[in-house]
Structures are given as structure tokens and as C-alpha cells.
Amino acid sequence: MLTLRLTRVGKKKYPLYRLIVSEKSRDPWGKALEILGTYQPHTDPATLEIKKERVEYWISKGAQTSETVHNLLIDQGILKGEKIKKNTVSKRRKEKLAKKNPTS
């Protein structure tokens, strides 16, 4: 399955990101099918430069987006819908909370 995701580039303690298309199982630092843009979180406001037509093309071909890329594309107005919450509770944490607060 193809995914649109960010891969980190840049210097130590000053990350820049590339928006890439690659296989989901492939290493994000490996070879990408296509580089679709860049994301610079340190500028004020954060800068996202993307090839809109190519992003729409890959999504039309069935490529999925990572949670972060999905939220960035919603901010840019390329995708419609709600943002995805990225925080999840681990199984261990769920069990611990269930022991503390039994619902029944």
C-alpha cells in the first residue's frame, strides 16, 4: 500500500521534512517513489510547500496519508474533513486505567 508521509532531513536539532510517496512497509529514509514537497516547522508560521496536483493524483490512485500529513493537508485545504487525533492510549495504559476506575 502506498502512503504519503514525512521523512526527516536537515541538521541536528533543526529538522526539516520532505513529503514523500512510498510503500508503507518501506523504510522512510529509503528510496521514495516521488518527493511531493517540503515542510519547515521552524519558520513563523510553519511553511508547507507541496505539489498540489501530484498529491491529489496519488490520493486518487489510492494512496493513504499518515496522520500528520492528513492534518497538514486539511490545513492547506487540499483534503476535506476533520483532523485526526494522534494521541493514542497503549494497551498497558488502558489496563492500568481499567483497574483504577472499574466501570461496572
PDB file of N, CA and C in Angstrom:
ATOM      1  N   MET A   1       0.843  -1.176   0.000  1.00  0.00           N
ATOM      2  CA  MET A   1       0.000   0.000   0.000  1.00  0.00           C
ATOM      3  C   MET A   1       0.891   1.241   0.000  1.00  0.00           C
ATOM      4  N   LEU A   2       0.522   2.205  -0.785  1.00  0.00           N
ATOM      5  CA  LEU A   2       1.274   3.457  -0.870  1.00  0.00           C
ATOM      6  C   LEU A   2       0.821   4.424   0.216  1.00  0.00           C
ATOM      7  N   THR A   3       1.769   5.163   0.772  1.00  0.00           N
ATOM      8  CA  THR A   3       1.437   6.172   1.772  1.00  0.00           C
ATOM      9  C   THR A   3       2.143   7.480   1.459  1.00  0.00           C
ATOM     10  N   LEU A   4       1.489   8.564   1.831  1.00  0.00           N
ATOM     11  CA  LEU A   4       2.101   9.886   1.797  1.00  0.00           C
ATOM     12  C   LEU A   4       2.535  10.164   3.223  1.00  0.00           C
ATOM     13  N   ARG A   5       3.820  10.382   3.428  1.00  0.00           N
ATOM     14  CA  ARG A   5       4.320  10.614   4.776  1.00  0.00           C
ATOM     15  C   ARG A   5       5.516  11.540   4.754  1.00  0.00           C
ATOM     16  N   LEU A   6       5.920  11.946   5.948  1.00  0.00           N
ATOM     17  CA  LEU A   6       7.054  12.851   6.089  1.00  0.00           C
ATOM     18  C   LEU A   6       8.307  12.052   6.391  1.00  0.00           C
ATOM     19  N   THR A   7       9.425  12.486   5.831  1.00  0.00           N
ATOM     20  CA  THR A   7      10.719  11.925   6.180  1.00  0.00           C
ATOM     21  C   THR A   7      11.613  13.077   6.625  1.00  0.00           C
ATOM     22  N   ARG A   8      12.366  12.845   7.678  1.00  0.00           N
ATOM     23  CA  ARG A   8      13.153  13.917   8.274  1.00  0.00           C
ATOM     24  C   ARG A   8      14.459  14.125   7.514  1.00  0.00           C
ATOM     25  N   VAL A   9      14.762  15.385   7.255  1.00  0.00           N
ATOM     26  CA  VAL A   9      16.050  15.796   6.692  1.00  0.00           C
ATOM     27  C   VAL A   9      16.462  17.039   7.468  1.00  0.00           C
ATOM     28  N   GLY A  10      17.628  17.564   7.209  1.00  0.00           N
ATOM     29  CA  GLY A  10      18.051  18.777   7.898  1.00  0.00           C
ATOM     30  C   GLY A  10      19.164  18.496   8.885  1.00  0.00           C
ATOM     31  N   LYS A  11      19.421  19.487   9.725  1.00  0.00           N
ATOM     32  CA  LYS A  11      20.521  19.398  10.670  1.00  0.00           C
ATOM     33  C   LYS A  11      20.047  18.875  12.021  1.00  0.00           C
ATOM     34  N   LYS A  12      21.016  18.589  12.865  1.00  0.00           N
ATOM     35  CA  LYS A  12      20.728  18.175  14.231  1.00  0.00           C
ATOM     36  C   LYS A  12      20.004  19.307  14.961  1.00  0.00           C
ATOM     37  N   LYS A  13      18.927  18.975  15.623  1.00  0.00           N
ATOM     38  CA  LYS A  13      18.094  19.909  16.388  1.00  0.00           C
ATOM     39  C   LYS A  13      17.418  20.972  15.519  1.00  0.00           C
ATOM     40  N   TYR A  14      17.424  20.779  14.201  1.00  0.00           N
ATOM     41  CA  TYR A  14      16.729  21.696  13.300  1.00  0.00           C
ATOM     42  C   TYR A  14      16.145  20.875  12.149  1.00  0.00           C
ATOM     43  N   PRO A  15      15.094  20.121  12.457  1.00  0.00           N
ATOM     44  CA  PRO A  15      14.570  19.225  11.429  1.00  0.00           C
ATOM     45  C   PRO A  15      13.785  19.948  10.345  1.00  0.00           C
ATOM     46  N   LEU A  16      13.913  19.456   9.149  1.00  0.00           N
ATOM     47  CA  LEU A  16      13.077  19.822   8.013  1.00  0.00           C
ATOM     48  C   LEU A  16      12.519  18.503   7.501  1.00  0.00           C
ATOM     49  N   TYR A  17      11.380  18.544   6.874  1.00  0.00           N
ATOM     50  CA  TYR A  17      10.734  17.311   6.439  1.00  0.00           C
ATOM     51  C   TYR A  17      10.406  17.366   4.958  1.00  0.00           C
ATOM     52  N   ARG A  18      10.489  16.207   4.311  1.00  0.00           N
ATOM     53  CA  ARG A  18      10.052  16.063   2.931  1.00  0.00           C
ATOM     54  C   ARG A  18       8.764  15.260   2.934  1.00  0.00           C
ATOM     55  N   LEU A  19       7.833  15.664   2.107  1.00  0.00           N
ATOM     56  CA  LEU A  19       6.608  14.903   1.900  1.00  0.00           C
ATOM     57  C   LEU A  19       6.874  13.948   0.747  1.00  0.00           C
ATOM     58  N   ILE A  20       6.786  12.642   1.021  1.00  0.00           N
ATOM     59  CA  ILE A  20       7.139  11.644   0.016  1.00  0.00           C
ATOM     60  C   ILE A  20       6.006  10.644  -0.188  1.00  0.00           C
ATOM     61  N   VAL A  21       6.074   9.931  -1.300  1.00  0.00           N
ATOM     62  CA  VAL A  21       5.198   8.795  -1.569  1.00  0.00           C
ATOM     63  C   VAL A  21       6.086   7.567  -1.566  1.00  0.00           C
ATOM     64  N   SER A  22       5.723   6.568  -0.752  1.00  0.00           N
ATOM     65  CA  SER A  22       6.482   5.323  -0.728  1.00  0.00           C
ATOM     66  C   SER A  22       5.584   4.196  -0.244  1.00  0.00           C
ATOM     67  N   GLU A  23       6.092   2.984  -0.342  1.00  0.00           N
ATOM     68  CA  GLU A  23       5.371   1.839   0.200  1.00  0.00           C
ATOM     69  C   GLU A  23       5.329   1.960   1.717  1.00  0.00           C
ATOM     70  N   LYS A  24       4.225   1.546   2.317  1.00  0.00           N
ATOM     71  CA  LYS A  24       4.067   1.676   3.760  1.00  0.00           C
ATOM     72  C   LYS A  24       5.114   0.854   4.510  1.00  0.00           C
ATOM     73  N   SER A  25       5.442  -0.324   3.995  1.00  0.00           N
ATOM     74  CA  SER A  25       6.380  -1.203   4.684  1.00  0.00           C
ATOM     75  C   SER A  25       7.834  -0.794   4.478  1.00  0.00           C
ATOM     76  N   ARG A  26       8.091   0.114   3.579  1.00  0.00           N
ATOM     77  CA  ARG A  26       9.458   0.529   3.262  1.00  0.00           C
ATOM     78  C   ARG A  26       9.968   1.553   4.271  1.00  0.00           C
ATOM     79  N   ASP A  27      11.260   1.524   4.510  1.00  0.00           N
ATOM     80  CA  ASP A  27      11.924   2.468   5.395  1.00  0.00           C
ATOM     81  C   ASP A  27      11.713   3.898   4.885  1.00  0.00           C
ATOM     82  N   PRO A  28      11.292   4.838   5.759  1.00  0.00           N
ATOM     83  CA  PRO A  28      11.052   6.203   5.280  1.00  0.00           C
ATOM     84  C   PRO A  28      12.307   6.910   4.770  1.00  0.00           C
ATOM     85  N   TRP A  29      13.487   6.423   5.143  1.00  0.00           N
ATOM     86  CA  TRP A  29      14.723   7.033   4.661  1.00  0.00           C
ATOM     87  C   TRP A  29      15.248   6.316   3.432  1.00  0.00           C
ATOM     88  N   GLY A  30      14.513   5.313   2.975  1.00  0.00           N
ATOM     89  CA  GLY A  30      14.887   4.597   1.763  1.00  0.00           C
ATOM     90  C   GLY A  30      14.440   5.358   0.529  1.00  0.00           C
ATOM     91  N   LYS A  31      14.407   4.650  -0.571  1.00  0.00           N
ATOM     92  CA  LYS A  31      14.046   5.276  -1.837  1.00  0.00           C
ATOM     93  C   LYS A  31      12.546   5.573  -1.874  1.00  0.00           C
ATOM     94  N   ALA A  32      12.206   6.794  -2.255  1.00  0.00           N
ATOM     95  CA  ALA A  32      10.808   7.210  -2.374  1.00  0.00           C
ATOM     96  C   ALA A  32      10.397   7.179  -3.840  1.00  0.00           C
ATOM     97  N   LEU A  33       9.124   6.919  -4.087  1.00  0.00           N
ATOM     98  CA  LEU A  33       8.628   6.962  -5.464  1.00  0.00           C
ATOM     99  C   LEU A  33       8.651   8.383  -6.008  1.00  0.00           C
ATOM    100  N   GLU A  34       8.283   9.343  -5.143  1.00  0.00           N
ATOM    101  CA  GLU A  34       8.255  10.739  -5.581  1.00  0.00           C
ATOM    102  C   GLU A  34       8.321  11.650  -4.360  1.00  0.00           C
ATOM    103  N   ILE A  35       9.019  12.770  -4.502  1.00  0.00           N
ATOM    104  CA  ILE A  35       9.046  13.802  -3.468  1.00  0.00           C
ATOM    105  C   ILE A  35       8.006  14.842  -3.851  1.00  0.00           C
ATOM    106  N   LEU A  36       7.032  15.042  -2.954  1.00  0.00           N
ATOM    107  CA  LEU A  36       5.902  15.917  -3.264  1.00  0.00           C
ATOM    108  C   LEU A  36       6.026  17.312  -2.675  1.00  0.00           C
ATOM    109  N   GLY A  37       6.956  17.518  -1.757  1.00  0.00           N
ATOM    110  CA  GLY A  37       7.092  18.847  -1.177  1.00  0.00           C
ATOM    111  C   GLY A  37       7.948  18.836   0.072  1.00  0.00           C
ATOM    112  N   THR A  38       7.951  19.977   0.766  1.00  0.00           N
ATOM    113  CA  THR A  38       8.724  20.127   1.993  1.00  0.00           C
ATOM    114  C   THR A  38       7.875  20.783   3.072  1.00  0.00           C
ATOM    115  N   TYR A  39       8.259  20.519   4.335  1.00  0.00           N
ATOM    116  CA  TYR A  39       7.588  21.111   5.489  1.00  0.00           C
ATOM    117  C   TYR A  39       8.668  21.650   6.416  1.00  0.00           C
ATOM    118  N   GLN A  40       8.577  22.947   6.740  1.00  0.00           N
ATOM    119  CA  GLN A  40       9.547  23.594   7.624  1.00  0.00           C
ATOM    120  C   GLN A  40       8.813  24.090   8.866  1.00  0.00           C
ATOM    121  N   PRO A  41       8.854  23.334   9.973  1.00  0.00           N
ATOM    122  CA  PRO A  41       8.096  23.718  11.163  1.00  0.00           C
ATOM    123  C   PRO A  41       8.701  24.881  11.940  1.00  0.00           C
ATOM    124  N   HIS A  42       9.958  25.255  11.674  1.00  0.00           N
ATOM    125  CA  HIS A  42      10.613  26.301  12.470  1.00  0.00           C
ATOM    126  C   HIS A  42      10.338  27.716  11.985  1.00  0.00           C
ATOM    127  N   THR A  43       9.829  27.866  10.793  1.00  0.00           N
ATOM    128  CA  THR A  43       9.505  29.212  10.320  1.00  0.00           C
ATOM    129  C   THR A  43       8.228  29.681  11.012  1.00  0.00           C
ATOM    130  N   ASP A  44       8.007  30.975  11.027  1.00  0.00           N
ATOM    131  CA  ASP A  44       6.820  31.504  11.696  1.00  0.00           C
ATOM    132  C   ASP A  44       5.963  32.247  10.695  1.00  0.00           C
ATOM    133  N   PRO A  45       4.862  31.741  10.251  1.00  0.00           N
ATOM    134  CA  PRO A  45       4.260  30.434  10.558  1.00  0.00           C
ATOM    135  C   PRO A  45       4.966  29.311   9.803  1.00  0.00           C
ATOM    136  N   ALA A  46       4.684  28.077  10.205  1.00  0.00           N
ATOM    137  CA  ALA A  46       5.319  26.918   9.577  1.00  0.00           C
ATOM    138  C   ALA A  46       5.023  26.913   8.074  1.00  0.00           C
ATOM    139  N   THR A  47       6.027  26.536   7.284  1.00  0.00           N
ATOM    140  CA  THR A  47       5.920  26.585   5.827  1.00  0.00           C
ATOM    141  C   THR A  47       5.716  25.184   5.262  1.00  0.00           C
ATOM    142  N   LEU A  48       4.686  25.037   4.448  1.00  0.00           N
ATOM    143  CA  LEU A  48       4.434  23.784   3.751  1.00  0.00           C
ATOM    144  C   LEU A  48       4.356  24.084   2.261  1.00  0.00           C
ATOM    145  N   GLU A  49       5.332  23.586   1.517  1.00  0.00           N
ATOM    146  CA  GLU A  49       5.356  23.765   0.064  1.00  0.00           C
ATOM    147  C   GLU A  49       5.091  22.404  -0.561  1.00  0.00           C
ATOM    148  N   ILE A  50       3.984  22.288  -1.296  1.00  0.00           N
ATOM    149  CA  ILE A  50       3.636  20.998  -1.879  1.00  0.00           C
ATOM    150  C   ILE A  50       3.210  21.155  -3.332  1.00  0.00           C
ATOM    151  N   LYS A  51       3.298  20.045  -4.043  1.00  0.00           N
ATOM    152  CA  LYS A  51       2.791  19.967  -5.415  1.00  0.00           C
ATOM    153  C   LYS A  51       1.357  19.446  -5.313  1.00  0.00           C
ATOM    154  N   LYS A  52       0.414  20.371  -5.275  1.00  0.00           N
ATOM    155  CA  LYS A  52      -0.986  20.039  -5.022  1.00  0.00           C
ATOM    156  C   LYS A  52      -1.542  19.030  -6.028  1.00  0.00           C
ATOM    157  N   GLU A  53      -1.243  19.215  -7.307  1.00  0.00           N
ATOM    158  CA  GLU A  53      -1.772  18.325  -8.337  1.00  0.00           C
ATOM    159  C   GLU A  53      -1.279  16.894  -8.134  1.00  0.00           C
ATOM    160  N   ARG A  54      -0.001  16.768  -7.769  1.00  0.00           N
ATOM    161  CA  ARG A  54       0.572  15.434  -7.579  1.00  0.00           C
ATOM    162  C   ARG A  54       0.013  14.761  -6.328  1.00  0.00           C
ATOM    163  N   VAL A  55      -0.224  15.539  -5.269  1.00  0.00           N
ATOM    164  CA  VAL A  55      -0.828  14.973  -4.060  1.00  0.00           C
ATOM    165  C   VAL A  55      -2.221  14.445  -4.390  1.00  0.00           C
ATOM    166  N   GLU A  56      -3.008  15.243  -5.102  1.00  0.00           N
ATOM    167  CA  GLU A  56      -4.353  14.815  -5.490  1.00  0.00           C
ATOM    168  C   GLU A  56      -4.300  13.585  -6.393  1.00  0.00           C
ATOM    169  N   TYR A  57      -3.302  13.529  -7.272  1.00  0.00           N
ATOM    170  CA  TYR A  57      -3.135  12.375  -8.154  1.00  0.00           C
ATOM    171  C   TYR A  57      -2.903  11.103  -7.344  1.00  0.00           C
ATOM    172  N   TRP A  58      -1.961  11.143  -6.399  1.00  0.00           N
ATOM    173  CA  TRP A  58      -1.638   9.948  -5.624  1.00  0.00           C
ATOM    174  C   TRP A  58      -2.798   9.523  -4.734  1.00  0.00           C
ATOM    175  N   ILE A  59      -3.524  10.480  -4.174  1.00  0.00           N
ATOM    176  CA  ILE A  59      -4.688  10.134  -3.353  1.00  0.00           C
ATOM    177  C   ILE A  59      -5.766   9.492  -4.228  1.00  0.00           C
ATOM    178  N   SER A  60      -5.930   9.985  -5.459  1.00  0.00           N
ATOM    179  CA  SER A  60      -6.915   9.388  -6.370  1.00  0.00           C
ATOM    180  C   SER A  60      -6.522   7.968  -6.772  1.00  0.00           C
ATOM    181  N   LYS A  61      -5.233   7.669  -6.743  1.00  0.00           N
ATOM    182  CA  LYS A  61      -4.753   6.324  -7.065  1.00  0.00           C
ATOM    183  C   LYS A  61      -4.838   5.377  -5.869  1.00  0.00           C
ATOM    184  N   GLY A  62      -5.294   5.876  -4.715  1.00  0.00           N
ATOM    185  CA  GLY A  62      -5.491   5.003  -3.555  1.00  0.00           C
ATOM    186  C   GLY A  62      -4.432   5.114  -2.480  1.00  0.00           C
ATOM    187  N   ALA A  63      -3.526   6.055  -2.588  1.00  0.00           N
ATOM    188  CA  ALA A  63      -2.501   6.224  -1.558  1.00  0.00           C
ATOM    189  C   ALA A  63      -3.137   6.764  -0.279  1.00  0.00           C
ATOM    190  N   GLN A  64      -2.712   6.237   0.851  1.00  0.00           N
ATOM    191  CA  GLN A  64      -3.187   6.686   2.149  1.00  0.00           C
ATOM    192  C   GLN A  64      -2.246   7.764   2.675  1.00  0.00           C
ATOM    193  N   THR A  65      -2.714   8.558   3.641  1.00  0.00           N
ATOM    194  CA  THR A  65      -1.862   9.574   4.256  1.00  0.00           C
ATOM    195  C   THR A  65      -1.590   9.195   5.701  1.00  0.00           C
ATOM    196  N   SER A  66      -0.428   9.595   6.202  1.00  0.00           N
ATOM    197  CA  SER A  66      -0.171   9.420   7.624  1.00  0.00           C
ATOM    198  C   SER A  66      -1.029  10.431   8.381  1.00  0.00           C
ATOM    199  N   GLU A  67      -1.130  10.265   9.697  1.00  0.00           N
ATOM    200  CA  GLU A  67      -1.973  11.161  10.493  1.00  0.00           C
ATOM    201  C   GLU A  67      -1.495  12.605  10.383  1.00  0.00           C
ATOM    202  N   THR A  68      -0.196  12.814  10.478  1.00  0.00           N
ATOM    203  CA  THR A  68       0.357  14.161  10.420  1.00  0.00           C
ATOM    204  C   THR A  68       0.142  14.790   9.049  1.00  0.00           C
ATOM    205  N   VAL A  69       0.403  14.032   7.999  1.00  0.00           N
ATOM    206  CA  VAL A  69       0.214  14.557   6.641  1.00  0.00           C
ATOM    207  C   VAL A  69      -1.262  14.855   6.401  1.00  0.00           C
ATOM    208  N   HIS A  70      -2.140  13.994   6.894  1.00  0.00           N
ATOM    209  CA  HIS A  70      -3.585  14.224   6.756  1.00  0.00           C
ATOM    210  C   HIS A  70      -3.967  15.567   7.368  1.00  0.00           C
ATOM    211  N   ASN A  71      -3.478  15.833   8.578  1.00  0.00           N
ATOM    212  CA  ASN A  71      -3.797  17.091   9.260  1.00  0.00           C
ATOM    213  C   ASN A  71      -3.203  18.295   8.532  1.00  0.00           C
ATOM    214  N   LEU A  72      -1.994  18.165   7.990  1.00  0.00           N
ATOM    215  CA  LEU A  72      -1.381  19.263   7.235  1.00  0.00           C
ATOM    216  C   LEU A  72      -2.159  19.552   5.953  1.00  0.00           C
ATOM    217  N   LEU A  73      -2.627  18.508   5.285  1.00  0.00           N
ATOM    218  CA  LEU A  73      -3.388  18.704   4.048  1.00  0.00           C
ATOM    219  C   LEU A  73      -4.754  19.329   4.323  1.00  0.00           C
ATOM    220  N   ILE A  74      -5.335  19.038   5.466  1.00  0.00           N
ATOM    221  CA  ILE A  74      -6.592  19.695   5.847  1.00  0.00           C
ATOM    222  C   ILE A  74      -6.337  21.179   6.096  1.00  0.00           C
ATOM    223  N   ASP A  75      -5.228  21.503   6.759  1.00  0.00           N
ATOM    224  CA  ASP A  75      -4.883  22.913   6.991  1.00  0.00           C
ATOM    225  C   ASP A  75      -4.705  23.667   5.674  1.00  0.00           C
ATOM    226  N   GLN A  76      -4.158  23.007   4.664  1.00  0.00           N
ATOM    227  CA  GLN A  76      -3.928  23.631   3.361  1.00  0.00           C
ATOM    228  C   GLN A  76      -5.186  23.675   2.498  1.00  0.00           C
ATOM    229  N   GLY A  77      -6.231  22.956   2.902  1.00  0.00           N
ATOM    230  CA  GLY A  77      -7.476  22.947   2.143  1.00  0.00           C
ATOM    231  C   GLY A  77      -7.501  21.936   1.010  1.00  0.00           C
ATOM    232  N   ILE A  78      -6.537  21.038   0.972  1.00  0.00           N
ATOM    233  CA  ILE A  78      -6.493  20.024  -0.076  1.00  0.00           C
ATOM    234  C   ILE A  78      -7.469  18.891   0.236  1.00  0.00           C
ATOM    235  N   LEU A  79      -7.528  18.499   1.502  1.00  0.00           N
ATOM    236  CA  LEU A  79      -8.480  17.483   1.937  1.00  0.00           C
ATOM    237  C   LEU A  79      -9.597  18.137   2.725  1.00  0.00           C
ATOM    238  N   LYS A  80     -10.759  17.530   2.680  1.00  0.00           N
ATOM    239  CA  LYS A  80     -11.898  17.989   3.470  1.00  0.00           C
ATOM    240  C   LYS A  80     -12.120  16.987   4.596  1.00  0.00           C
ATOM    241  N   GLY A  81     -12.665  17.451   5.694  1.00  0.00           N
ATOM    242  CA  GLY A  81     -12.969  16.558   6.804  1.00  0.00           C
ATOM    243  C   GLY A  81     -12.373  17.072   8.092  1.00  0.00           C
ATOM    244  N   GLU A  82     -12.361  16.194   9.087  1.00  0.00           N
ATOM    245  CA  GLU A  82     -11.844  16.553  10.401  1.00  0.00           C
ATOM    246  C   GLU A  82     -10.413  16.069  10.550  1.00  0.00           C
ATOM    247  N   LYS A  83      -9.693  16.729  11.435  1.00  0.00           N
ATOM    248  CA  LYS A  83      -8.337  16.309  11.733  1.00  0.00           C
ATOM    249  C   LYS A  83      -8.365  15.016  12.548  1.00  0.00           C
ATOM    250  N   ILE A  84      -7.289  14.256  12.446  1.00  0.00           N
ATOM    251  CA  ILE A  84      -7.159  13.001  13.175  1.00  0.00           C
ATOM    252  C   ILE A  84      -6.371  13.276  14.446  1.00  0.00           C
ATOM    253  N   LYS A  85      -6.898  12.820  15.586  1.00  0.00           N
ATOM    254  CA  LYS A  85      -6.149  12.945  16.834  1.00  0.00           C
ATOM    255  C   LYS A  85      -5.038  11.909  16.817  1.00  0.00           C
ATOM    256  N   LYS A  86      -3.844  12.361  17.134  1.00  0.00           N
ATOM    257  CA  LYS A  86      -2.688  11.485  17.031  1.00  0.00           C
ATOM    258  C   LYS A  86      -2.406  10.729  18.326  1.00  0.00           C
ATOM    259  N   ASN A  87      -2.855  11.255  19.458  1.00  0.00           N
ATOM    260  CA  ASN A  87      -2.582  10.613  20.732  1.00  0.00           C
ATOM    261  C   ASN A  87      -3.432   9.363  20.893  1.00  0.00           C
ATOM    262  N   THR A  88      -2.778   8.259  21.216  1.00  0.00           N
ATOM    263  CA  THR A  88      -3.482   7.013  21.466  1.00  0.00           C
ATOM    264  C   THR A  88      -3.046   6.466  22.813  1.00  0.00           C
ATOM    265  N   VAL A  89      -3.889   5.665  23.404  1.00  0.00           N
ATOM    266  CA  VAL A  89      -3.593   5.065  24.698  1.00  0.00           C
ATOM    267  C   VAL A  89      -3.116   3.642  24.448  1.00  0.00           C
ATOM    268  N   SER A  90      -1.969   3.286  25.037  1.00  0.00           N
ATOM    269  CA  SER A  90      -1.413   1.954  24.842  1.00  0.00           C
ATOM    270  C   SER A  90      -2.240   0.918  25.604  1.00  0.00           C
ATOM    271  N   LYS A  91      -2.058  -0.350  25.251  1.00  0.00           N
ATOM    272  CA  LYS A  91      -2.794  -1.432  25.914  1.00  0.00           C
ATOM    273  C   LYS A  91      -2.476  -1.470  27.402  1.00  0.00           C
ATOM    274  N   ARG A  92      -1.214  -1.296  27.728  1.00  0.00           N
ATOM    275  CA  ARG A  92      -0.795  -1.333  29.126  1.00  0.00           C
ATOM    276  C   ARG A  92      -1.465  -0.211  29.920  1.00  0.00           C
ATOM    277  N   ARG A  93      -1.517   0.975  29.334  1.00  0.00           N
ATOM    278  CA  ARG A  93      -2.143   2.124  29.992  1.00  0.00           C
ATOM    279  C   ARG A  93      -3.649   1.910  30.138  1.00  0.00           C
ATOM    280  N   LYS A  94      -4.292   1.323  29.120  1.00  0.00           N
ATOM    281  CA  LYS A  94      -5.724   1.031  29.196  1.00  0.00           C
ATOM    282  C   LYS A  94      -6.024   0.077  30.343  1.00  0.00           C
ATOM    283  N   GLU A  95      -5.191  -0.970  30.481  1.00  0.00           N
ATOM    284  CA  GLU A  95      -5.386  -1.932  31.564  1.00  0.00           C
ATOM    285  C   GLU A  95      -5.224  -1.262  32.917  1.00  0.00           C
ATOM    286  N   LYS A  96      -4.234  -0.403  33.026  1.00  0.00           N
ATOM    287  CA  LYS A  96      -3.989   0.293  34.284  1.00  0.00           C
ATOM    288  C   LYS A  96      -5.169   1.206  34.640  1.00  0.00           C
ATOM    289  N   LEU A  97      -5.697   1.921  33.660  1.00  0.00           N
ATOM    290  CA  LEU A  97      -6.851   2.788  33.893  1.00  0.00           C
ATOM    291  C   LEU A  97      -8.098   1.981  34.231  1.00  0.00           C
ATOM    292  N   ALA A  98      -8.249   0.815  33.610  1.00  0.00           N
ATOM    293  CA  ALA A  98      -9.410  -0.032  33.883  1.00  0.00           C
ATOM    294  C   ALA A  98      -9.376  -0.554  35.319  1.00  0.00           C
ATOM    295  N   LYS A  99      -8.191  -0.856  35.825  1.00  0.00           N
ATOM    296  CA  LYS A  99      -8.072  -1.325  37.214  1.00  0.00           C
ATOM    297  C   LYS A  99      -8.386  -0.211  38.201  1.00  0.00           C
ATOM    298  N   LYS A 100      -7.945   1.003  37.879  1.00  0.00           N
ATOM    299  CA  LYS A 100      -8.193   2.140  38.767  1.00  0.00           C
ATOM    300  C   LYS A 100      -9.663   2.527  38.801  1.00  0.00           C
ATOM    301  N   ASN A 101     -10.292   2.585  37.642  1.00  0.00           N
ATOM    302  CA  ASN A 101     -11.674   3.056  37.518  1.00  0.00           C
ATOM    303  C   ASN A 101     -12.555   1.982  36.894  1.00  0.00           C
ATOM    304  N   PRO A 102     -12.980   1.001  37.683  1.00  0.00           N
ATOM    305  CA  PRO A 102     -13.879  -0.004  37.091  1.00  0.00           C
ATOM    306  C   PRO A 102     -15.228   0.628  36.747  1.00  0.00           C
ATOM    307  N   THR A 103     -15.714   0.372  35.551  1.00  0.00           N
ATOM    308  CA  THR A 103     -16.963   0.988  35.099  1.00  0.00           C
ATOM    309  C   THR A 103     -18.188   0.221  35.570  1.00  0.00           C
ATOM    310  N   SER A 104     -18.044  -1.035  35.915  1.00  0.00           N
ATOM    311  CA  SER A 104     -19.218  -1.802  36.345  1.00  0.00           C
ATOM    312  C   SER A 104     -19.376  -1.853  37.839  1.00  0.00           C
TER     313      SER A 104
END
